Amino acid sequence: MKLQLGQGQIVIEVEHDPDVPTTCPECGQAVPRHDTRTRRWRHLDTCQYRTIIEAGVPRTS
């Protein structure tokens, strides 16, 4: 979690466990991970701060 007072926001970082196999969204089988894509979502405010959730979403080959 990063508190960025100057920007008026809290950033919560979510990480994917590398030991958990990645599942193909089309066939449902375990497949190797190709890379990750960073995504950001706006969440409900925490007191007077904007809350941002940031995650590296795994992508498959």
N, C-alpha and C. Protein backbone atom coordinates (compact mmCIF):
# COMPACT_ATOMS: atom_id res chain seq x y z
N MET A 1 0.84 -1.16 0.00
CA MET A 1 0.00 0.00 0.00
C MET A 1 0.89 1.23 0.00
N LYS A 2 0.56 2.19 -0.85
CA LYS A 2 1.31 3.45 -0.92
C LYS A 2 0.35 4.59 -0.63
N LEU A 3 0.71 5.39 0.36
CA LEU A 3 -0.07 6.58 0.68
C LEU A 3 0.60 7.76 0.01
N GLN A 4 -0.08 8.37 -0.96
CA GLN A 4 0.47 9.49 -1.72
C GLN A 4 -0.31 10.75 -1.34
N LEU A 5 0.15 11.40 -0.26
CA LEU A 5 -0.56 12.57 0.27
C LEU A 5 -0.60 13.72 -0.72
N GLY A 6 0.50 13.94 -1.44
CA GLY A 6 0.56 15.03 -2.41
C GLY A 6 -0.45 14.88 -3.53
N GLN A 7 -0.74 13.64 -3.90
CA GLN A 7 -1.71 13.37 -4.97
C GLN A 7 -3.09 13.07 -4.42
N GLY A 8 -3.21 12.99 -3.09
CA GLY A 8 -4.50 12.75 -2.47
C GLY A 8 -5.06 11.38 -2.75
N GLN A 9 -4.19 10.36 -2.76
CA GLN A 9 -4.69 9.03 -3.05
C GLN A 9 -3.93 7.95 -2.30
N ILE A 10 -4.58 6.80 -2.20
CA ILE A 10 -3.98 5.59 -1.65
C ILE A 10 -3.95 4.57 -2.77
N VAL A 11 -2.79 3.94 -2.99
CA VAL A 11 -2.66 2.92 -4.03
C VAL A 11 -2.44 1.58 -3.34
N ILE A 12 -3.33 0.63 -3.61
CA ILE A 12 -3.22 -0.72 -3.06
C ILE A 12 -2.74 -1.61 -4.18
N GLU A 13 -1.59 -2.27 -3.97
CA GLU A 13 -1.01 -3.14 -4.99
C GLU A 13 -1.35 -4.59 -4.68
N VAL A 14 -1.86 -5.30 -5.69
CA VAL A 14 -2.22 -6.71 -5.57
C VAL A 14 -1.29 -7.50 -6.48
N GLU A 15 -0.68 -8.56 -5.93
CA GLU A 15 0.25 -9.38 -6.71
C GLU A 15 -0.31 -10.78 -6.92
N HIS A 16 0.02 -11.36 -8.06
CA HIS A 16 -0.37 -12.73 -8.37
C HIS A 16 0.70 -13.67 -7.84
N ASP A 17 0.30 -14.72 -7.15
CA ASP A 17 1.24 -15.70 -6.60
C ASP A 17 1.85 -16.50 -7.75
N PRO A 18 3.17 -16.44 -7.95
CA PRO A 18 3.79 -17.14 -9.08
C PRO A 18 3.72 -18.66 -8.97
N ASP A 19 3.46 -19.20 -7.77
CA ASP A 19 3.37 -20.65 -7.59
C ASP A 19 2.00 -21.21 -7.98
N VAL A 20 1.02 -20.34 -8.14
CA VAL A 20 -0.32 -20.78 -8.53
C VAL A 20 -0.39 -20.84 -10.05
N PRO A 21 -0.79 -21.98 -10.62
CA PRO A 21 -0.84 -22.07 -12.08
C PRO A 21 -1.89 -21.12 -12.67
N THR A 22 -1.59 -20.64 -13.86
CA THR A 22 -2.50 -19.75 -14.58
C THR A 22 -3.45 -20.61 -15.41
N THR A 23 -4.72 -20.27 -15.39
CA THR A 23 -5.73 -21.03 -16.12
C THR A 23 -6.11 -20.29 -17.40
N CYS A 24 -6.20 -21.03 -18.49
CA CYS A 24 -6.61 -20.45 -19.77
C CYS A 24 -8.09 -20.05 -19.67
N PRO A 25 -8.44 -18.81 -20.04
CA PRO A 25 -9.84 -18.40 -19.96
C PRO A 25 -10.74 -19.07 -20.99
N GLU A 26 -10.15 -19.66 -22.03
CA GLU A 26 -10.96 -20.29 -23.09
C GLU A 26 -11.19 -21.77 -22.85
N CYS A 27 -10.11 -22.52 -22.50
CA CYS A 27 -10.25 -23.97 -22.35
C CYS A 27 -10.24 -24.43 -20.89
N GLY A 28 -9.81 -23.59 -19.96
CA GLY A 28 -9.81 -23.93 -18.55
C GLY A 28 -8.64 -24.77 -18.08
N GLN A 29 -7.67 -25.03 -18.97
CA GLN A 29 -6.51 -25.83 -18.59
C GLN A 29 -5.41 -24.95 -18.03
N ALA A 30 -4.53 -25.56 -17.21
CA ALA A 30 -3.38 -24.84 -16.68
C ALA A 30 -2.38 -24.60 -17.81
N VAL A 31 -1.97 -23.36 -17.99
CA VAL A 31 -1.05 -23.00 -19.07
C VAL A 31 0.05 -22.10 -18.50
N PRO A 32 1.20 -22.03 -19.18
CA PRO A 32 2.27 -21.15 -18.69
C PRO A 32 1.88 -19.68 -18.86
N ARG A 33 2.39 -18.88 -17.97
CA ARG A 33 2.13 -17.44 -18.01
C ARG A 33 3.09 -16.79 -19.00
N HIS A 34 2.56 -15.92 -19.85
CA HIS A 34 3.37 -15.22 -20.85
C HIS A 34 4.01 -13.98 -20.22
N ASP A 35 3.22 -13.13 -19.62
CA ASP A 35 3.69 -11.92 -18.94
C ASP A 35 2.53 -11.37 -18.11
N THR A 36 2.67 -10.16 -17.63
CA THR A 36 1.58 -9.53 -16.89
C THR A 36 1.28 -8.16 -17.49
N ARG A 37 0.06 -7.75 -17.30
CA ARG A 37 -0.38 -6.43 -17.77
C ARG A 37 -0.87 -5.66 -16.55
N THR A 38 -0.33 -4.49 -16.33
CA THR A 38 -0.71 -3.69 -15.17
C THR A 38 -2.05 -3.02 -15.42
N ARG A 39 -2.97 -3.23 -14.49
CA ARG A 39 -4.31 -2.63 -14.57
C ARG A 39 -4.55 -1.80 -13.32
N ARG A 40 -5.34 -0.74 -13.45
CA ARG A 40 -5.69 0.12 -12.32
C ARG A 40 -7.20 0.32 -12.29
N TRP A 41 -7.77 0.22 -11.10
CA TRP A 41 -9.20 0.43 -10.92
C TRP A 41 -9.41 1.45 -9.81
N ARG A 42 -10.40 2.28 -9.97
CA ARG A 42 -10.78 3.24 -8.93
C ARG A 42 -11.75 2.54 -7.99
N HIS A 43 -11.48 2.64 -6.69
CA HIS A 43 -12.33 2.03 -5.67
C HIS A 43 -13.03 3.15 -4.90
N LEU A 44 -13.84 2.78 -3.95
CA LEU A 44 -14.50 3.78 -3.11
C LEU A 44 -13.45 4.56 -2.33
N ASP A 45 -13.70 5.83 -2.09
CA ASP A 45 -12.75 6.67 -1.37
C ASP A 45 -12.56 6.19 0.07
N THR A 46 -11.34 6.39 0.57
CA THR A 46 -11.01 6.11 1.96
C THR A 46 -10.85 7.45 2.65
N CYS A 47 -11.81 7.81 3.47
CA CYS A 47 -11.87 9.15 4.08
C CYS A 47 -11.83 10.18 2.96
N GLN A 48 -10.83 11.04 2.92
CA GLN A 48 -10.78 12.08 1.89
C GLN A 48 -9.85 11.70 0.73
N TYR A 49 -9.35 10.45 0.71
CA TYR A 49 -8.38 10.04 -0.31
C TYR A 49 -9.04 9.14 -1.37
N ARG A 50 -8.65 9.36 -2.62
CA ARG A 50 -9.05 8.44 -3.69
C ARG A 50 -8.34 7.12 -3.43
N THR A 51 -9.01 6.01 -3.69
CA THR A 51 -8.41 4.70 -3.51
C THR A 51 -8.28 4.04 -4.87
N ILE A 52 -7.04 3.65 -5.21
CA ILE A 52 -6.74 3.01 -6.49
C ILE A 52 -6.24 1.60 -6.19
N ILE A 53 -6.79 0.60 -6.89
CA ILE A 53 -6.29 -0.77 -6.79
C ILE A 53 -5.49 -1.03 -8.05
N GLU A 54 -4.26 -1.49 -7.88
CA GLU A 54 -3.35 -1.74 -9.00
C GLU A 54 -2.90 -3.20 -8.94
N ALA A 55 -2.99 -3.89 -10.08
CA ALA A 55 -2.63 -5.31 -10.12
C ALA A 55 -1.94 -5.65 -11.43
N GLY A 56 -1.00 -6.58 -11.34
CA GLY A 56 -0.38 -7.14 -12.53
C GLY A 56 -1.18 -8.37 -12.93
N VAL A 57 -2.04 -8.23 -13.92
CA VAL A 57 -2.92 -9.32 -14.35
C VAL A 57 -2.12 -10.25 -15.25
N PRO A 58 -2.04 -11.56 -14.90
CA PRO A 58 -1.26 -12.48 -15.72
C PRO A 58 -1.91 -12.73 -17.08
N ARG A 59 -1.06 -12.82 -18.11
CA ARG A 59 -1.54 -13.14 -19.46
C ARG A 59 -0.93 -14.46 -19.88
N THR A 60 -1.67 -15.21 -20.66
CA THR A 60 -1.20 -16.52 -21.13
C THR A 60 -0.84 -16.46 -22.60
N SER A 61 -0.02 -17.41 -23.00
CA SER A 61 0.41 -17.47 -24.41
C SER A 61 -0.68 -18.03 -25.29
